């Protein structure tokens, strides 16, 4: 018969493997940040630029499965809980992307674009699929 300590260890291991334990820790962390913030003072409103930047970062974090970092970013920044649509970001940033770029976050395409810009300094807003090594 298993001891209570063994059952606790198995339960903890199972929750960690499923990502539940990490999610709970991140949620608790975000709630602690909220509780410690001065509730009488509202955060300043997000500028249009910060809204777009935060959304690019959130898309990157979620793509790379940094769910906890994304949840803390949302809680601390005042970013809307529902992500902005990718097509909205593309339109706002005047980006044209090829079909390969649709599978990666926009930040990958933006970085790739500037890393491989024409040497004569001419920039375009055409974003191709990233040549960066993506995590598996």
N, C-alpha and C. Protein backbone atom coordinates (compact mmCIF):
# COMPACT_ATOMS: atom_id res chain seq x y z
N UNK A 1 0.83 -1.17 0.00
CA UNK A 1 0.00 0.00 0.00
C UNK A 1 0.88 1.24 0.00
N UNK A 2 0.53 2.23 -0.82
CA UNK A 2 1.32 3.45 -0.96
C UNK A 2 1.13 4.35 0.25
N UNK A 3 2.21 5.01 0.63
CA UNK A 3 2.13 5.95 1.75
C UNK A 3 1.59 7.29 1.24
N UNK A 4 1.22 8.13 2.18
CA UNK A 4 0.72 9.46 1.83
C UNK A 4 1.81 10.26 1.10
N UNK A 5 3.04 10.12 1.55
CA UNK A 5 4.16 10.83 0.93
C UNK A 5 4.34 10.38 -0.53
N UNK A 6 4.21 9.07 -0.77
CA UNK A 6 4.34 8.56 -2.13
C UNK A 6 3.20 9.06 -3.02
N UNK A 7 1.99 9.07 -2.48
CA UNK A 7 0.85 9.58 -3.25
C UNK A 7 1.03 11.06 -3.59
N UNK A 8 1.54 11.84 -2.62
CA UNK A 8 1.80 13.26 -2.87
C UNK A 8 2.83 13.43 -3.98
N UNK A 9 3.88 12.62 -3.93
CA UNK A 9 4.94 12.72 -4.94
C UNK A 9 4.41 12.38 -6.33
N UNK A 10 3.60 11.33 -6.43
CA UNK A 10 3.03 10.94 -7.72
C UNK A 10 2.08 12.01 -8.23
N UNK A 11 1.27 12.55 -7.35
CA UNK A 11 0.34 13.61 -7.73
C UNK A 11 1.08 14.85 -8.21
N UNK A 12 2.11 15.25 -7.48
CA UNK A 12 2.91 16.42 -7.88
C UNK A 12 3.56 16.18 -9.24
N UNK A 13 4.13 15.01 -9.43
CA UNK A 13 4.78 14.67 -10.69
C UNK A 13 3.79 14.70 -11.85
N UNK A 14 2.61 14.15 -11.64
CA UNK A 14 1.57 14.13 -12.68
C UNK A 14 1.12 15.54 -13.04
N UNK A 15 0.90 16.37 -12.02
CA UNK A 15 0.48 17.75 -12.27
C UNK A 15 1.57 18.55 -12.99
N UNK A 16 2.83 18.30 -12.65
CA UNK A 16 3.93 18.98 -13.34
C UNK A 16 4.00 18.56 -14.80
N UNK A 17 3.88 17.26 -15.07
CA UNK A 17 3.95 16.76 -16.45
C UNK A 17 2.83 17.32 -17.31
N UNK A 18 1.66 17.51 -16.73
CA UNK A 18 0.52 18.05 -17.47
C UNK A 18 0.56 19.57 -17.58
N UNK A 19 1.49 20.21 -16.89
CA UNK A 19 1.60 21.66 -16.94
C UNK A 19 0.64 22.39 -16.02
N UNK A 20 -0.14 21.64 -15.28
CA UNK A 20 -1.12 22.25 -14.38
C UNK A 20 -0.44 22.97 -13.23
N UNK A 21 0.57 22.37 -12.66
CA UNK A 21 1.25 22.96 -11.52
C UNK A 21 1.90 24.29 -11.90
N UNK A 22 2.54 24.32 -13.03
CA UNK A 22 3.15 25.58 -13.50
C UNK A 22 2.12 26.65 -13.76
N UNK A 23 0.98 26.24 -14.33
CA UNK A 23 -0.11 27.19 -14.58
C UNK A 23 -0.63 27.76 -13.27
N UNK A 24 -0.82 26.89 -12.28
CA UNK A 24 -1.30 27.36 -10.97
C UNK A 24 -0.30 28.31 -10.33
N UNK A 25 0.98 28.00 -10.43
CA UNK A 25 2.01 28.89 -9.87
C UNK A 25 1.97 30.26 -10.56
N UNK A 26 1.83 30.26 -11.87
CA UNK A 26 1.77 31.52 -12.62
C UNK A 26 0.53 32.32 -12.25
N UNK A 27 -0.59 31.63 -12.11
CA UNK A 27 -1.84 32.29 -11.72
C UNK A 27 -1.70 32.91 -10.33
N UNK A 28 -1.11 32.17 -9.41
CA UNK A 28 -0.90 32.69 -8.06
C UNK A 28 0.03 33.90 -8.10
N UNK A 29 1.11 33.80 -8.90
CA UNK A 29 2.05 34.91 -9.05
C UNK A 29 1.34 36.16 -9.57
N UNK A 30 0.51 35.99 -10.60
CA UNK A 30 -0.22 37.12 -11.17
C UNK A 30 -1.17 37.71 -10.15
N UNK A 31 -1.84 36.86 -9.37
CA UNK A 31 -2.76 37.35 -8.35
C UNK A 31 -2.01 38.08 -7.24
N UNK A 32 -0.82 37.60 -6.88
CA UNK A 32 -0.01 38.29 -5.87
C UNK A 32 0.40 39.67 -6.40
N UNK A 33 0.82 39.75 -7.67
CA UNK A 33 1.14 41.05 -8.26
C UNK A 33 -0.05 41.99 -8.19
N UNK A 34 -1.23 41.48 -8.54
CA UNK A 34 -2.44 42.30 -8.50
C UNK A 34 -2.75 42.77 -7.09
N UNK A 35 -2.58 41.88 -6.11
CA UNK A 35 -2.87 42.24 -4.72
C UNK A 35 -1.88 43.27 -4.19
N UNK A 36 -0.62 43.16 -4.62
CA UNK A 36 0.40 44.10 -4.14
C UNK A 36 0.32 45.46 -4.82
N UNK A 37 -0.24 45.50 -6.01
CA UNK A 37 -0.39 46.78 -6.70
C UNK A 37 -1.30 47.68 -5.90
N UNK A 38 -1.03 48.96 -5.98
CA UNK A 38 -1.89 49.94 -5.32
C UNK A 38 -3.23 49.94 -6.02
N UNK A 39 -4.25 49.41 -5.36
CA UNK A 39 -5.56 49.28 -5.97
C UNK A 39 -6.21 50.63 -6.22
N UNK A 40 -5.80 51.67 -5.50
CA UNK A 40 -6.38 53.00 -5.70
C UNK A 40 -5.85 53.68 -6.95
N UNK A 41 -4.72 53.24 -7.42
CA UNK A 41 -4.08 53.86 -8.58
C UNK A 41 -4.20 52.94 -9.78
N UNK A 42 -4.89 53.41 -10.80
CA UNK A 42 -5.06 52.60 -12.02
C UNK A 42 -3.81 52.74 -12.87
N UNK A 43 -3.45 51.67 -13.60
CA UNK A 43 -2.29 51.80 -14.51
C UNK A 43 -2.63 52.78 -15.62
N UNK A 44 -1.62 53.45 -16.15
CA UNK A 44 -1.91 54.39 -17.24
C UNK A 44 -2.48 53.64 -18.44
N UNK A 45 -3.32 54.31 -19.22
CA UNK A 45 -3.89 53.63 -20.38
C UNK A 45 -2.79 53.24 -21.38
N UNK A 46 -3.03 52.14 -22.05
CA UNK A 46 -2.08 51.67 -23.06
C UNK A 46 -2.13 52.58 -24.28
N UNK A 47 -0.97 53.00 -24.74
CA UNK A 47 -0.93 53.71 -26.01
C UNK A 47 -1.16 52.70 -27.13
N UNK A 48 -1.48 53.19 -28.30
CA UNK A 48 -1.70 52.31 -29.44
C UNK A 48 -0.43 51.49 -29.73
N UNK A 49 0.72 52.17 -29.64
CA UNK A 49 2.00 51.49 -29.90
C UNK A 49 2.26 50.39 -28.87
N UNK A 50 2.02 50.70 -27.58
CA UNK A 50 2.25 49.68 -26.55
C UNK A 50 1.29 48.51 -26.69
N UNK A 51 0.07 48.79 -27.08
CA UNK A 51 -0.90 47.72 -27.32
C UNK A 51 -0.38 46.76 -28.39
N UNK A 52 0.14 47.32 -29.49
CA UNK A 52 0.66 46.49 -30.59
C UNK A 52 1.92 45.73 -30.16
N UNK A 53 2.82 46.43 -29.49
CA UNK A 53 4.07 45.79 -29.03
C UNK A 53 3.77 44.65 -28.08
N UNK A 54 2.90 44.91 -27.09
CA UNK A 54 2.54 43.86 -26.14
C UNK A 54 1.91 42.66 -26.84
N UNK A 55 1.10 42.93 -27.86
CA UNK A 55 0.45 41.83 -28.57
C UNK A 55 1.47 41.01 -29.36
N UNK A 56 2.45 41.67 -29.96
CA UNK A 56 3.51 40.94 -30.66
C UNK A 56 4.29 40.06 -29.69
N UNK A 57 4.55 40.60 -28.50
CA UNK A 57 5.28 39.84 -27.49
C UNK A 57 4.43 38.67 -26.99
N UNK A 58 3.13 38.92 -26.76
CA UNK A 58 2.26 37.84 -26.29
C UNK A 58 2.19 36.72 -27.32
N UNK A 59 2.07 37.07 -28.61
CA UNK A 59 2.01 36.05 -29.67
C UNK A 59 3.28 35.20 -29.65
N UNK A 60 4.44 35.86 -29.49
CA UNK A 60 5.72 35.17 -29.41
C UNK A 60 5.77 34.25 -28.19
N UNK A 61 5.36 34.77 -27.02
CA UNK A 61 5.40 33.97 -25.79
C UNK A 61 4.51 32.74 -25.89
N UNK A 62 3.31 32.93 -26.39
CA UNK A 62 2.38 31.80 -26.50
C UNK A 62 2.84 30.78 -27.52
N UNK A 63 3.43 31.23 -28.63
CA UNK A 63 3.95 30.32 -29.64
C UNK A 63 5.03 29.42 -29.05
N UNK A 64 5.87 30.01 -28.21
CA UNK A 64 6.98 29.27 -27.60
C UNK A 64 6.58 28.57 -26.30
N UNK A 65 5.27 28.56 -26.03
CA UNK A 65 4.70 27.88 -24.86
C UNK A 65 5.19 28.49 -23.55
N UNK A 66 5.43 29.81 -23.55
CA UNK A 66 5.74 30.55 -22.33
C UNK A 66 4.43 31.10 -21.77
N UNK A 67 3.50 30.20 -21.47
CA UNK A 67 2.15 30.58 -21.07
C UNK A 67 2.15 31.42 -19.79
N UNK A 68 3.01 31.07 -18.87
CA UNK A 68 3.03 31.77 -17.59
C UNK A 68 3.54 33.20 -17.77
N UNK A 69 4.57 33.36 -18.57
CA UNK A 69 5.08 34.70 -18.86
C UNK A 69 4.02 35.53 -19.57
N UNK A 70 3.29 34.90 -20.48
CA UNK A 70 2.23 35.60 -21.20
C UNK A 70 1.12 36.04 -20.24
N UNK A 71 0.78 35.18 -19.28
CA UNK A 71 -0.28 35.55 -18.34
C UNK A 71 0.15 36.69 -17.43
N UNK A 72 1.42 36.70 -17.02
CA UNK A 72 1.92 37.79 -16.20
C UNK A 72 1.99 39.08 -17.02
N UNK A 73 2.42 39.00 -18.27
CA UNK A 73 2.44 40.18 -19.15
C UNK A 73 1.04 40.79 -19.26
N UNK A 74 0.05 39.95 -19.48
CA UNK A 74 -1.32 40.43 -19.60
C UNK A 74 -1.78 41.10 -18.31
N UNK A 75 -1.49 40.46 -17.18
CA UNK A 75 -1.92 41.00 -15.89
C UNK A 75 -1.24 42.32 -15.57
N UNK A 76 0.06 42.42 -15.82
CA UNK A 76 0.80 43.62 -15.44
C UNK A 76 0.62 44.77 -16.41
N UNK A 77 0.42 44.49 -17.68
CA UNK A 77 0.39 45.56 -18.69
C UNK A 77 -0.98 46.17 -18.89
N UNK A 78 -2.02 45.46 -18.47
CA UNK A 78 -3.36 45.94 -18.75
C UNK A 78 -3.82 45.59 -20.15
N UNK A 79 -3.07 44.73 -20.81
CA UNK A 79 -3.42 44.26 -22.14
C UNK A 79 -4.77 43.54 -22.08
N UNK A 80 -5.63 43.69 -23.07
CA UNK A 80 -6.89 42.95 -23.06
C UNK A 80 -6.63 41.44 -22.93
N UNK A 81 -7.50 40.77 -22.21
CA UNK A 81 -7.34 39.33 -22.00
C UNK A 81 -7.45 38.57 -23.32
N UNK A 82 -8.38 38.97 -24.17
CA UNK A 82 -8.53 38.34 -25.48
C UNK A 82 -7.46 38.89 -26.43
N UNK A 83 -6.67 38.01 -27.05
CA UNK A 83 -5.64 38.49 -27.98
C UNK A 83 -6.25 39.22 -29.18
N UNK A 84 -5.51 40.19 -29.69
CA UNK A 84 -5.91 40.87 -30.92
C UNK A 84 -5.76 39.89 -32.08
N UNK A 85 -6.58 40.05 -33.08
CA UNK A 85 -6.49 39.17 -34.24
C UNK A 85 -5.22 39.47 -35.03
N UNK A 86 -4.61 38.44 -35.55
CA UNK A 86 -3.38 38.58 -36.33
C UNK A 86 -3.59 39.50 -37.53
N UNK A 87 -4.73 39.36 -38.20
CA UNK A 87 -4.99 40.21 -39.38
C UNK A 87 -5.04 41.69 -38.99
N UNK A 88 -5.54 41.98 -37.80
CA UNK A 88 -5.56 43.36 -37.31
C UNK A 88 -4.14 43.88 -37.15
N UNK A 89 -3.26 43.06 -36.54
CA UNK A 89 -1.86 43.46 -36.37
C UNK A 89 -1.18 43.68 -37.72
N UNK A 90 -1.42 42.79 -38.66
CA UNK A 90 -0.83 42.90 -39.99
C UNK A 90 -1.26 44.20 -40.66
N UNK A 91 -2.52 44.51 -40.54
CA UNK A 91 -3.04 45.75 -41.14
C UNK A 91 -2.45 46.98 -40.45
N UNK A 92 -2.43 46.97 -39.13
CA UNK A 92 -1.92 48.12 -38.38
C UNK A 92 -0.43 48.37 -38.63
N UNK A 93 0.32 47.30 -38.82
CA UNK A 93 1.77 47.41 -39.02
C UNK A 93 2.17 47.49 -40.50
N UNK A 94 1.16 47.50 -41.39
CA UNK A 94 1.41 47.56 -42.83
C UNK A 94 2.35 46.45 -43.29
N UNK A 95 2.04 45.26 -42.88
CA UNK A 95 2.86 44.10 -43.22
C UNK A 95 2.16 43.29 -44.31
N UNK A 96 2.94 42.80 -45.26
CA UNK A 96 2.47 41.81 -46.20
C UNK A 96 3.31 40.57 -45.94
N UNK A 97 2.65 39.45 -45.65
CA UNK A 97 3.41 38.24 -45.36
C UNK A 97 3.13 37.16 -46.38
N UNK A 98 4.16 36.36 -46.64
CA UNK A 98 3.95 35.23 -47.54
C UNK A 98 3.34 34.07 -46.76
N UNK A 99 3.02 33.00 -47.45
CA UNK A 99 2.32 31.88 -46.80
C UNK A 99 3.18 31.20 -45.73
N UNK A 100 4.50 31.20 -45.88
CA UNK A 100 5.37 30.58 -44.88
C UNK A 100 5.35 31.34 -43.56
N UNK A 101 5.15 32.64 -43.62
CA UNK A 101 5.20 33.47 -42.42
C UNK A 101 3.98 33.27 -41.54
N UNK A 102 2.93 32.70 -42.07
CA UNK A 102 1.68 32.56 -41.31
C UNK A 102 1.78 31.53 -40.20
N UNK A 103 2.82 30.72 -40.20
CA UNK A 103 2.95 29.66 -39.20
C UNK A 103 3.79 30.08 -38.00
N UNK A 104 4.38 31.26 -38.05
CA UNK A 104 5.23 31.74 -36.96
C UNK A 104 4.74 33.10 -36.48
N UNK A 105 5.12 33.49 -35.26
CA UNK A 105 4.73 34.81 -34.77
C UNK A 105 5.29 35.92 -35.67
N UNK A 106 4.58 37.02 -35.70
CA UNK A 106 5.00 38.15 -36.53
C UNK A 106 6.39 38.65 -36.15
N UNK A 107 6.76 38.55 -34.88
CA UNK A 107 8.09 39.00 -34.46
C UNK A 107 9.21 38.26 -35.19
N UNK A 108 9.02 36.97 -35.44
CA UNK A 108 10.04 36.22 -36.18
C UNK A 108 10.23 36.80 -37.57
N UNK A 109 9.13 37.09 -38.23
CA UNK A 109 9.22 37.67 -39.57
C UNK A 109 9.84 39.05 -39.56
N UNK A 110 9.48 39.86 -38.57
CA UNK A 110 10.03 41.22 -38.47
C UNK A 110 11.54 41.16 -38.25
N UNK A 111 11.98 40.31 -37.33
CA UNK A 111 13.42 40.16 -37.06
C UNK A 111 14.14 39.64 -38.30
N UNK A 112 13.59 38.62 -38.92
CA UNK A 112 14.20 38.06 -40.12
C UNK A 112 14.31 39.12 -41.21
N UNK A 113 13.26 39.91 -41.36
CA UNK A 113 13.24 40.97 -42.37
C UNK A 113 14.41 41.93 -42.18
N UNK A 114 14.62 42.38 -40.94
CA UNK A 114 15.68 43.36 -40.70
C UNK A 114 17.07 42.72 -40.68
N UNK A 115 17.16 41.45 -40.35
CA UNK A 115 18.46 40.77 -40.41
C UNK A 115 18.93 40.58 -41.85
N UNK A 116 17.95 40.46 -42.78
CA UNK A 116 18.29 40.20 -44.17
C UNK A 116 17.92 41.37 -45.07
N UNK A 117 17.91 42.57 -44.52
CA UNK A 117 17.55 43.76 -45.30
C UNK A 117 18.59 44.01 -46.39
N UNK A 118 18.16 44.66 -47.43
CA UNK A 118 19.09 45.04 -48.50
C UNK A 118 20.23 45.87 -47.91
N UNK A 119 21.41 45.64 -48.42
CA UNK A 119 22.58 46.35 -47.91
C UNK A 119 22.55 47.84 -48.26
N UNK A 120 21.75 48.22 -49.25
CA UNK A 120 21.68 49.64 -49.62
C UNK A 120 20.73 50.41 -48.71
N UNK A 121 20.20 49.75 -47.70
CA UNK A 121 19.38 50.44 -46.71
C UNK A 121 17.91 50.54 -47.07
N UNK A 122 17.51 50.02 -48.22
CA UNK A 122 16.11 50.10 -48.61
C UNK A 122 15.33 49.03 -47.86
N UNK A 123 14.30 49.46 -47.16
CA UNK A 123 13.47 48.54 -46.40
C UNK A 123 12.10 48.46 -47.06
N UNK A 124 11.52 47.30 -46.99
CA UNK A 124 10.15 47.14 -47.45
C UNK A 124 9.34 46.56 -46.30
N UNK A 125 8.05 46.52 -46.44
CA UNK A 125 7.21 45.95 -45.39
C UNK A 125 6.80 44.53 -45.72
N UNK A 126 7.48 43.89 -46.66
CA UNK A 126 7.19 42.51 -47.02
C UNK A 126 7.87 41.59 -46.03
N UNK A 127 7.11 40.76 -45.36
CA UNK A 127 7.66 39.84 -44.38
C UNK A 127 7.59 38.43 -44.94
N UNK A 128 8.74 37.80 -45.04
CA UNK A 128 8.79 36.42 -45.49
C UNK A 128 8.87 35.51 -44.28
N UNK A 129 8.67 34.25 -44.50
CA UNK A 129 8.79 33.28 -43.42
C UNK A 129 10.16 33.39 -42.78
N UNK A 130 10.23 33.15 -41.51
CA UNK A 130 11.45 33.32 -40.77
C UNK A 130 12.51 32.31 -41.19
N UNK A 131 13.75 32.76 -41.24
CA UNK A 131 14.87 31.85 -41.49
C UNK A 131 15.52 31.47 -40.17
N UNK A 132 14.98 31.98 -39.07
CA UNK A 132 15.51 31.67 -37.76
C UNK A 132 15.21 30.22 -37.40
N UNK A 133 16.06 29.63 -36.60
CA UNK A 133 15.80 28.27 -36.14
C UNK A 133 14.69 28.33 -35.11
N UNK A 134 13.59 27.69 -35.40
CA UNK A 134 12.46 27.71 -34.49
C UNK A 134 12.56 26.56 -33.51
N UNK A 135 12.10 26.79 -32.26
CA UNK A 135 12.12 25.71 -31.29
C UNK A 135 11.14 24.62 -31.70
N UNK A 136 11.46 23.42 -31.33
CA UNK A 136 10.57 22.29 -31.66
C UNK A 136 9.74 21.91 -30.47
